[in-house]
C-alpha atoms as a PDB file:
ATOM      1  CA  MET A   1      51.027  42.707  94.414  1.00  0.00           C
ATOM      2  CA  ASN A   2      52.244  46.180  93.609  1.00  0.00           C
ATOM      3  CA  ILE A   3      49.546  47.790  95.740  1.00  0.00           C
ATOM      4  CA  VAL A   4      50.832  46.086  98.908  1.00  0.00           C
ATOM      5  CA  ASP A   5      54.362  47.300  98.186  1.00  0.00           C
ATOM      6  CA  GLN A   6      53.089  50.833  97.528  1.00  0.00           C
ATOM      7  CA  TYR A   7      51.041  50.816 100.737  1.00  0.00           C
ATOM      8  CA  ASP A   8      54.012  49.677 102.818  1.00  0.00           C
ATOM      9  CA  ALA A   9      56.412  52.124 101.173  1.00  0.00           C
ATOM     10  CA  LEU A  10      54.103  55.064 101.797  1.00  0.00           C
ATOM     11  CA  ARG A  11      53.343  54.064 105.402  1.00  0.00           C
ATOM     12  CA  SER A  12      56.936  53.291 106.379  1.00  0.00           C
ATOM     13  CA  ARG A  13      59.402  55.835 107.687  1.00  0.00           C
ATOM     14  CA  ARG A  14      62.601  55.957 105.685  1.00  0.00           C
ATOM     15  CA  PRO A  15      65.807  57.943 106.280  1.00  0.00           C
ATOM     16  CA  TYR A  16      64.692  60.359 103.560  1.00  0.00           C
ATOM     17  CA  LYS A  17      60.986  60.671 104.451  1.00  0.00           C
ATOM     18  CA  ALA A  18      58.406  60.367 107.194  1.00  0.00           C
ATOM     19  CA  GLY A  19      55.817  57.600 107.102  1.00  0.00           C
ATOM     20  CA  LEU A  20      52.246  58.552 106.260  1.00  0.00           C
ATOM     21  CA  ASP A  21      49.054  57.663 108.089  1.00  0.00           C
ATOM     22  CA  HIS A  22      46.580  55.168 106.643  1.00  0.00           C
ATOM     23  CA  GLU A  23      44.074  57.768 105.413  1.00  0.00           C
ATOM     24  CA  SER A  24      46.767  59.711 103.543  1.00  0.00           C
ATOM     25  CA  VAL A  25      48.046  56.548 101.882  1.00  0.00           C
ATOM     26  CA  VAL A  26      44.564  55.454 100.783  1.00  0.00           C
ATOM     27  CA  ASN A  27      43.981  58.945  99.390  1.00  0.00           C
ATOM     28  CA  ILE A  28      47.244  58.818  97.427  1.00  0.00           C
ATOM     29  CA  LEU A  29      46.484  55.345  96.081  1.00  0.00           C
ATOM     30  CA  THR A  30      42.974  56.444  95.103  1.00  0.00           C
ATOM     31  CA  ALA A  31      43.665  59.919  93.711  1.00  0.00           C
ATOM     32  CA  GLY A  32      47.257  59.424  92.617  1.00  0.00           C
ATOM     33  CA  ASP A  33      50.184  61.792  92.968  1.00  0.00           C
ATOM     34  CA  VAL A  34      53.758  62.036  91.674  1.00  0.00           C
ATOM     35  CA  ARG A  35      54.573  58.634  93.226  1.00  0.00           C
ATOM     36  CA  THR A  36      51.749  56.553  91.820  1.00  0.00           C
ATOM     37  CA  THR A  37      48.544  56.582  89.795  1.00  0.00           C
ATOM     38  CA  LEU A  38      45.486  54.386  89.793  1.00  0.00           C
ATOM     39  CA  LYS A  39      46.631  53.013  86.408  1.00  0.00           C
ATOM     40  CA  HIS A  40      49.456  51.182  88.196  1.00  0.00           C
ATOM     41  CA  PHE A  41      47.002  48.715  89.744  1.00  0.00           C
ATOM     42  CA  ASP A  42      44.835  45.974  88.353  1.00  0.00           C
ATOM     43  CA  PRO A  43      41.254  47.229  88.858  1.00  0.00           C
ATOM     44  CA  HIS A  44      40.155  43.993  90.530  1.00  0.00           C
ATOM     45  CA  VAL A  45      43.105  44.033  92.908  1.00  0.00           C
ATOM     46  CA  PHE A  46      42.481  47.690  93.723  1.00  0.00           C
ATOM     47  CA  GLU A  47      38.816  46.967  94.425  1.00  0.00           C
ATOM     48  CA  ALA A  48      39.820  44.138  96.769  1.00  0.00           C
ATOM     49  CA  PHE A  49      42.298  46.462  98.497  1.00  0.00           C
ATOM     50  CA  MET A  50      39.615  49.083  99.052  1.00  0.00           C
ATOM     51  CA  ARG A  51      37.221  46.495 100.498  1.00  0.00           C
ATOM     52  CA  SER A  52      39.893  45.305 102.913  1.00  0.00           C
ATOM     53  CA  SER A  53      41.842  48.519 103.567  1.00  0.00           C
ATOM     54  CA  GLY A  54      40.758  48.476 107.214  1.00  0.00           C
ATOM     55  CA  MET A  55      42.544  45.158 107.605  1.00  0.00           C
ATOM     56  CA  PHE A  56      45.673  46.674 106.042  1.00  0.00           C
ATOM     57  CA  ARG A  57      45.563  49.385 108.711  1.00  0.00           C
ATOM     58  CA  GLU A  58      45.099  46.850 111.525  1.00  0.00           C
ATOM     59  CA  ILE A  59      47.893  44.575 110.304  1.00  0.00           C
ATOM     60  CA  TYR A  60      50.301  47.460 109.728  1.00  0.00           C
ATOM     61  CA  GLU A  61      49.592  48.992 113.134  1.00  0.00           C
ATOM     62  CA  ALA A  62      49.985  45.630 114.884  1.00  0.00           C
ATOM     63  CA  ARG A  63      53.242  44.727 113.120  1.00  0.00           C
ATOM     64  CA  ARG A  64      55.073  48.011 112.558  1.00  0.00           C
ATOM     65  CA  ASP A  65      57.017  47.865 115.825  1.00  0.00           C
ATOM     66  CA  ASN A  66      58.184  44.331 114.985  1.00  0.00           C
ATOM     67  CA  VAL A  67      59.807  45.286 111.661  1.00  0.00           C
ATOM     68  CA  GLY A  68      63.352  46.469 111.177  1.00  0.00           C
END
């Protein structure tokens, strides 16, 4: 599930970068940038992600303080 890994990587703060907010990450996954393009994702998986992206936000927000 490459899209889940991409979402987490873009949202998470790392020593070399700040974490991004949900809307920015969805925009990057949708429009693409130097890190990723829409071609990286199975179209059916991407469609399912878009339908459930609100749940991704909720889960990430609820769990981010419990990670690391």
